[in-house]
Amino acid sequence: MNIKKELGKQIKNLRIKNGYTQEKLSELLNISQRALSSIELGKNFITSDTLEKVLSVFNIELEDLFATNSYKDSDELLKMIYKNISEIGNNPYKLEIVYNLTKSLIR
């Protein structure tokens, strides 16, 4: 996993979701548009000051910004789920937890 790229994708998705252009968000963050572009592309890492501004602009918590699981496509997620289940093996306790969790999602 490349943390800079994942974080950059998350910031870009938040920017787009909130209807900001790079120009507008860079103004709100008080950084250059070029710096924002480099962050979104995962070329540069965000500074702590800019990170605090991102959290404020989007009104989110730090853990929300680093929650990147939504970037995986369905096929990749299914592979990861199957891998996790295979690692559980024949443990009936853990398999029952997985079963109940998946059952609850269907409802």
Protein backbone atom coordinates (compact mmCIF):
# COMPACT_ATOMS: atom_id res chain seq x y z
CA MET A 1 0.00 0.00 0.00
CA ASN A 2 1.27 3.47 -0.88
CA ILE A 3 0.01 5.77 1.86
CA LYS A 4 0.67 8.96 -0.10
CA LYS A 5 -1.36 7.70 -3.08
CA GLU A 6 -4.23 6.38 -0.95
CA LEU A 7 -4.45 9.61 1.03
CA GLY A 8 -4.24 11.64 -2.17
CA LYS A 9 -7.10 9.66 -3.70
CA GLN A 10 -9.18 10.19 -0.59
CA ILE A 11 -8.61 13.95 -0.65
CA LYS A 12 -9.42 14.08 -4.36
CA ASN A 13 -12.63 12.08 -3.84
CA LEU A 14 -13.67 14.39 -1.00
CA ARG A 15 -12.92 17.42 -3.15
CA ILE A 16 -15.01 16.12 -6.02
CA LYS A 17 -17.81 14.89 -3.75
CA ASN A 18 -18.04 18.36 -2.22
CA GLY A 19 -17.99 20.11 -5.59
CA TYR A 20 -14.65 21.86 -5.23
CA THR A 21 -12.21 22.48 -8.04
CA GLN A 22 -8.53 22.10 -7.27
CA GLU A 23 -8.29 25.87 -7.47
CA LYS A 24 -11.04 26.43 -4.88
CA LEU A 25 -9.79 23.76 -2.45
CA SER A 26 -6.21 24.99 -2.72
CA GLU A 27 -7.47 28.49 -1.79
CA LEU A 28 -9.34 27.10 1.22
CA LEU A 29 -6.25 25.18 2.30
CA ASN A 30 -3.95 28.14 1.62
CA ILE A 31 -1.65 26.07 -0.60
CA SER A 32 -0.86 26.31 -4.29
CA GLN A 33 -2.92 24.40 -6.81
CA ARG A 34 0.28 22.65 -7.87
CA ALA A 35 0.90 21.50 -4.29
CA LEU A 36 -2.67 20.15 -4.07
CA SER A 37 -2.25 18.33 -7.36
CA SER A 38 0.96 16.71 -6.11
CA ILE A 39 -0.82 15.61 -2.92
CA GLU A 40 -3.79 14.18 -4.84
CA LEU A 41 -1.46 12.28 -7.18
CA GLY A 42 0.47 10.85 -4.24
CA LYS A 43 3.70 12.54 -5.25
CA ASN A 44 4.00 14.63 -2.09
CA PHE A 45 2.80 13.99 1.42
CA ILE A 46 0.51 16.48 3.10
CA THR A 47 1.89 18.65 5.92
CA SER A 48 0.32 18.48 9.35
CA ASP A 49 -0.97 22.07 9.01
CA THR A 50 -2.63 21.29 5.68
CA LEU A 51 -4.00 18.05 7.08
CA GLU A 52 -5.72 19.96 9.88
CA LYS A 53 -7.20 22.34 7.30
CA VAL A 54 -8.47 19.42 5.19
CA LEU A 55 -10.24 17.98 8.22
CA SER A 56 -11.78 21.36 8.95
CA VAL A 57 -12.84 22.13 5.36
CA PHE A 58 -14.56 18.76 4.94
CA ASN A 59 -15.74 18.63 8.57
CA ILE A 60 -14.39 15.11 9.07
CA GLU A 61 -12.33 13.25 11.66
CA LEU A 62 -8.81 12.01 11.01
CA GLU A 63 -9.92 8.36 10.85
CA ASP A 64 -12.47 9.26 8.14
CA LEU A 65 -9.70 10.62 5.96
CA PHE A 66 -7.65 7.46 6.27
CA ALA A 67 -10.62 5.10 5.64
CA THR A 68 -9.65 4.03 2.12
CA ASN A 69 -11.40 0.69 1.78
CA SER A 70 -13.98 2.27 -0.48
CA TYR A 71 -11.39 2.45 -3.28
CA LYS A 72 -11.30 -1.31 -3.83
CA ASP A 73 -13.45 -2.70 -6.60
CA SER A 74 -15.89 -5.56 -6.03
CA ASP A 75 -13.65 -8.25 -7.50
CA GLU A 76 -10.75 -7.22 -5.30
CA LEU A 77 -12.95 -7.11 -2.21
CA LEU A 78 -14.37 -10.57 -2.95
CA LYS A 79 -10.87 -11.99 -3.30
CA MET A 80 -9.90 -10.48 0.03
CA ILE A 81 -13.07 -11.82 1.69
CA TYR A 82 -12.47 -15.33 0.34
CA LYS A 83 -8.85 -15.17 1.48
CA ASN A 84 -9.90 -14.12 4.98
CA ILE A 85 -12.49 -16.89 5.16
CA SER A 86 -9.95 -19.48 4.02
CA GLU A 87 -7.56 -18.30 6.74
CA ILE A 88 -10.30 -18.83 9.34
CA GLY A 89 -10.31 -22.48 8.33
CA ASN A 90 -12.71 -24.76 10.11
CA ASN A 91 -13.04 -22.72 13.28
CA PRO A 92 -16.81 -23.00 13.90
CA TYR A 93 -16.89 -20.02 16.25
CA LYS A 94 -15.30 -17.64 13.74
CA LEU A 95 -17.28 -19.07 10.82
CA GLU A 96 -20.50 -18.47 12.72
CA ILE A 97 -19.51 -14.85 13.29
CA VAL A 98 -18.84 -14.43 9.56
CA TYR A 99 -22.15 -16.13 8.74
CA ASN A 100 -24.14 -13.91 11.12
CA LEU A 101 -22.42 -10.79 9.86
CA THR A 102 -23.14 -11.57 6.22
CA LYS A 103 -26.69 -12.62 7.06
CA SER A 104 -27.31 -9.31 8.82
CA LEU A 105 -26.13 -7.41 5.75
CA ILE A 106 -28.72 -9.13 3.58
CA ARG A 107 -31.64 -7.98 5.72
